[in-house]
Amino acid sequence: MTSHDPHPEIAIAPLTEADAGEVLTIQRAAFVSEAQIYGSADMPPLTQTLEEMRAELRMGTGLGARVDGRLVGAIRFRETEDLLLIGRIAIAPDMQGSGIGRALLQAAEQSSSAPVSELFTGSLSEANLRLYESCGYEVSERVPDGDGTEQVFLRKSLAG
């Protein structure tokens, strides 16, 4: 199988603290393009340390996607009684557009008993917005960042 296979065999499993280095590597690679869109590398996905990542994986819930044993994507989320809060979704740059983000999002939603899922992205992140809207998310709020961009919050009902 090559990385150009449009439908790679994706294995999704919970992330553990032992995955922290791989997750951090993918996260940094994935968010460089976001930093370029916004003209700033001062964003938490790029400044997070390995120790912070280990702590986050110890506390939180996360899923990783592997193709042929290689970690190619990760999603982290928290759940309250009322809300599945999707955190960072990071896909290895060479695997973006092959359905991994969609598969991780669906797996997180299916693991949750919350009635509603929420996530956010920046207003300039058009590919992210297209993905989330194609997965059934609708814009619920736009919060100006003061630099001409907005944080766009999207929600999806999981009930039913």
Protein backbone atom coordinates (compact mmCIF):
# COMPACT_ATOMS: atom_id res chain seq x y z
CA MET A 1 0.00 0.00 0.00
CA THR A 2 1.29 3.46 -0.81
CA SER A 3 0.46 6.65 0.99
CA HIS A 4 -1.44 7.62 -2.18
CA ASP A 5 -4.05 4.92 -1.58
CA PRO A 6 -7.27 6.97 -1.30
CA HIS A 7 -8.74 4.45 1.16
CA PRO A 8 -5.94 3.21 3.40
CA GLU A 9 -6.69 0.53 6.00
CA ILE A 10 -7.08 2.71 9.10
CA ALA A 11 -6.79 1.15 12.56
CA ILE A 12 -8.20 3.37 15.33
CA ALA A 13 -7.28 2.73 18.95
CA PRO A 14 -7.01 4.71 22.21
CA LEU A 15 -3.89 6.82 22.67
CA THR A 16 -1.70 6.23 25.70
CA GLU A 17 1.06 8.20 27.36
CA ALA A 18 3.54 6.07 25.39
CA ASP A 19 2.21 7.66 22.17
CA ALA A 20 3.07 11.21 23.31
CA GLY A 21 6.18 11.63 21.14
CA GLU A 22 4.46 10.41 17.98
CA VAL A 23 1.35 12.53 18.67
CA LEU A 24 3.46 15.64 19.27
CA THR A 25 5.38 15.07 16.01
CA ILE A 26 2.18 14.72 13.97
CA GLN A 27 0.56 17.66 15.74
CA ARG A 28 3.51 19.94 14.98
CA ALA A 29 3.66 18.82 11.35
CA ALA A 30 -0.09 19.23 10.90
CA PHE A 31 -0.33 22.65 12.53
CA VAL A 32 2.57 24.25 10.62
CA SER A 33 0.17 24.82 7.72
CA GLU A 34 -2.30 26.46 10.15
CA ALA A 35 0.49 28.70 11.45
CA GLN A 36 1.28 29.74 7.87
CA ILE A 37 -2.40 30.59 7.21
CA TYR A 38 -2.52 32.80 10.31
CA GLY A 39 1.02 34.17 10.08
CA SER A 40 1.98 33.09 13.61
CA ALA A 41 3.68 30.05 15.09
CA ASP A 42 2.61 31.13 18.59
CA MET A 43 -0.24 28.65 18.91
CA PRO A 44 -0.61 25.95 21.58
CA PRO A 45 -0.39 22.98 19.17
CA LEU A 46 3.08 24.19 18.14
CA THR A 47 4.36 25.25 21.57
CA GLN A 48 3.12 22.26 23.59
CA THR A 49 5.96 20.31 25.25
CA LEU A 50 6.42 16.55 25.38
CA GLU A 51 5.73 16.57 29.13
CA GLU A 52 2.51 18.55 28.61
CA MET A 53 1.47 16.04 25.95
CA ARG A 54 2.19 13.10 28.27
CA ALA A 55 0.11 14.72 31.03
CA GLU A 56 -2.73 15.42 28.59
CA LEU A 57 -2.76 11.81 27.36
CA ARG A 58 -2.69 10.53 30.97
CA MET A 59 -5.73 12.66 31.90
CA GLY A 60 -7.77 12.90 28.77
CA THR A 61 -9.30 10.74 26.14
CA GLY A 62 -7.68 10.40 22.79
CA LEU A 63 -7.75 8.17 19.76
CA GLY A 64 -5.01 7.52 17.27
CA ALA A 65 -5.23 6.33 13.68
CA ARG A 66 -2.55 4.03 12.33
CA VAL A 67 -1.85 2.86 8.82
CA ASP A 68 0.58 -0.08 8.59
CA GLY A 69 1.56 0.56 12.23
CA ARG A 70 2.44 4.23 11.63
CA LEU A 71 0.54 6.83 13.66
CA VAL A 72 -0.97 9.10 10.99
CA GLY A 73 -3.64 10.93 12.97
CA ALA A 74 -4.81 11.78 16.45
CA ILE A 75 -7.88 13.30 18.07
CA ARG A 76 -8.31 14.35 21.67
CA PHE A 77 -11.57 15.06 23.42
CA ARG A 78 -13.23 15.57 26.78
CA GLU A 79 -16.71 14.61 27.76
CA THR A 80 -19.17 16.06 30.22
CA GLU A 81 -22.68 14.84 30.80
CA ASP A 82 -23.96 17.32 28.22
CA LEU A 83 -21.12 17.80 25.75
CA LEU A 84 -18.44 15.98 23.81
CA LEU A 85 -15.75 18.61 23.44
CA ILE A 86 -13.48 17.74 20.52
CA GLY A 87 -9.97 19.04 21.06
CA ARG A 88 -7.10 18.86 18.63
CA ILE A 89 -7.38 16.82 15.48
CA ALA A 90 -4.02 16.36 13.80
CA ILE A 91 -3.37 14.39 10.62
CA ALA A 92 0.09 13.73 9.17
CA PRO A 93 0.48 16.14 6.22
CA ASP A 94 1.09 13.35 3.69
CA MET A 95 -2.15 11.63 4.77
CA GLN A 96 -4.45 14.66 4.85
CA GLY A 97 -7.47 14.31 2.61
CA SER A 98 -7.62 10.51 2.85
CA GLY A 99 -10.52 10.26 5.31
CA ILE A 100 -8.51 9.88 8.52
CA GLY A 101 -9.86 13.04 10.18
CA ARG A 102 -13.42 12.00 9.34
CA ALA A 103 -12.81 8.47 10.71
CA LEU A 104 -11.34 9.84 13.97
CA LEU A 105 -14.21 12.30 14.40
CA GLN A 106 -16.79 9.54 13.88
CA ALA A 107 -14.98 7.22 16.32
CA ALA A 108 -14.92 9.94 19.00
CA GLU A 109 -18.62 10.67 18.46
CA GLN A 110 -19.50 6.97 18.65
CA SER A 111 -17.56 6.57 21.91
CA SER A 112 -19.58 9.33 23.57
CA SER A 113 -22.88 9.27 25.41
CA ALA A 114 -23.17 13.09 25.31
CA PRO A 115 -26.09 14.49 23.31
CA VAL A 116 -24.03 17.18 21.56
CA SER A 117 -20.52 17.46 20.15
CA GLU A 118 -18.65 20.76 19.84
CA LEU A 119 -15.38 21.77 18.24
CA PHE A 120 -13.78 24.95 16.95
CA THR A 121 -11.37 26.11 14.31
CA GLY A 122 -10.16 29.39 12.91
CA SER A 123 -12.18 31.30 10.33
CA LEU A 124 -9.35 31.05 7.77
CA SER A 125 -9.10 27.25 8.07
CA GLU A 126 -11.33 26.53 5.10
CA ALA A 127 -10.43 22.84 4.74
CA ASN A 128 -11.30 22.25 8.41
CA LEU A 129 -14.61 24.08 8.08
CA ARG A 130 -15.51 22.06 4.96
CA LEU A 131 -14.67 18.79 6.74
CA TYR A 132 -16.68 19.61 9.87
CA GLU A 133 -19.69 20.84 7.92
CA SER A 134 -19.59 17.71 5.72
CA CYS A 135 -19.63 15.64 8.94
CA GLY A 136 -22.85 17.35 10.07
CA TYR A 137 -21.47 20.18 12.21
CA GLU A 138 -23.12 23.59 12.06
CA VAL A 139 -21.64 26.94 13.05
CA SER A 140 -23.00 27.90 16.48
CA GLU A 141 -20.84 30.92 17.31
CA ARG A 142 -18.11 33.14 15.89
CA VAL A 143 -15.76 34.85 18.33
CA PRO A 144 -13.53 37.64 16.96
CA ASP A 145 -9.83 37.21 17.73
CA GLY A 146 -9.11 40.92 17.35
CA ASP A 147 -6.85 40.42 14.34
CA GLY A 148 -9.54 40.17 11.68
CA THR A 149 -10.00 36.44 12.19
CA GLU A 150 -12.53 34.58 14.27
CA GLN A 151 -12.72 31.37 16.25
CA VAL A 152 -15.59 29.43 14.71
CA PHE A 153 -17.45 27.09 17.06
CA LEU A 154 -19.44 24.28 15.47
CA ARG A 155 -21.92 21.88 17.04
CA LYS A 156 -23.56 18.64 16.07
CA SER A 157 -26.40 16.75 17.73
CA LEU A 158 -25.38 13.18 18.59
CA ALA A 159 -28.78 12.17 19.93
CA GLY A 160 -30.68 9.65 17.88
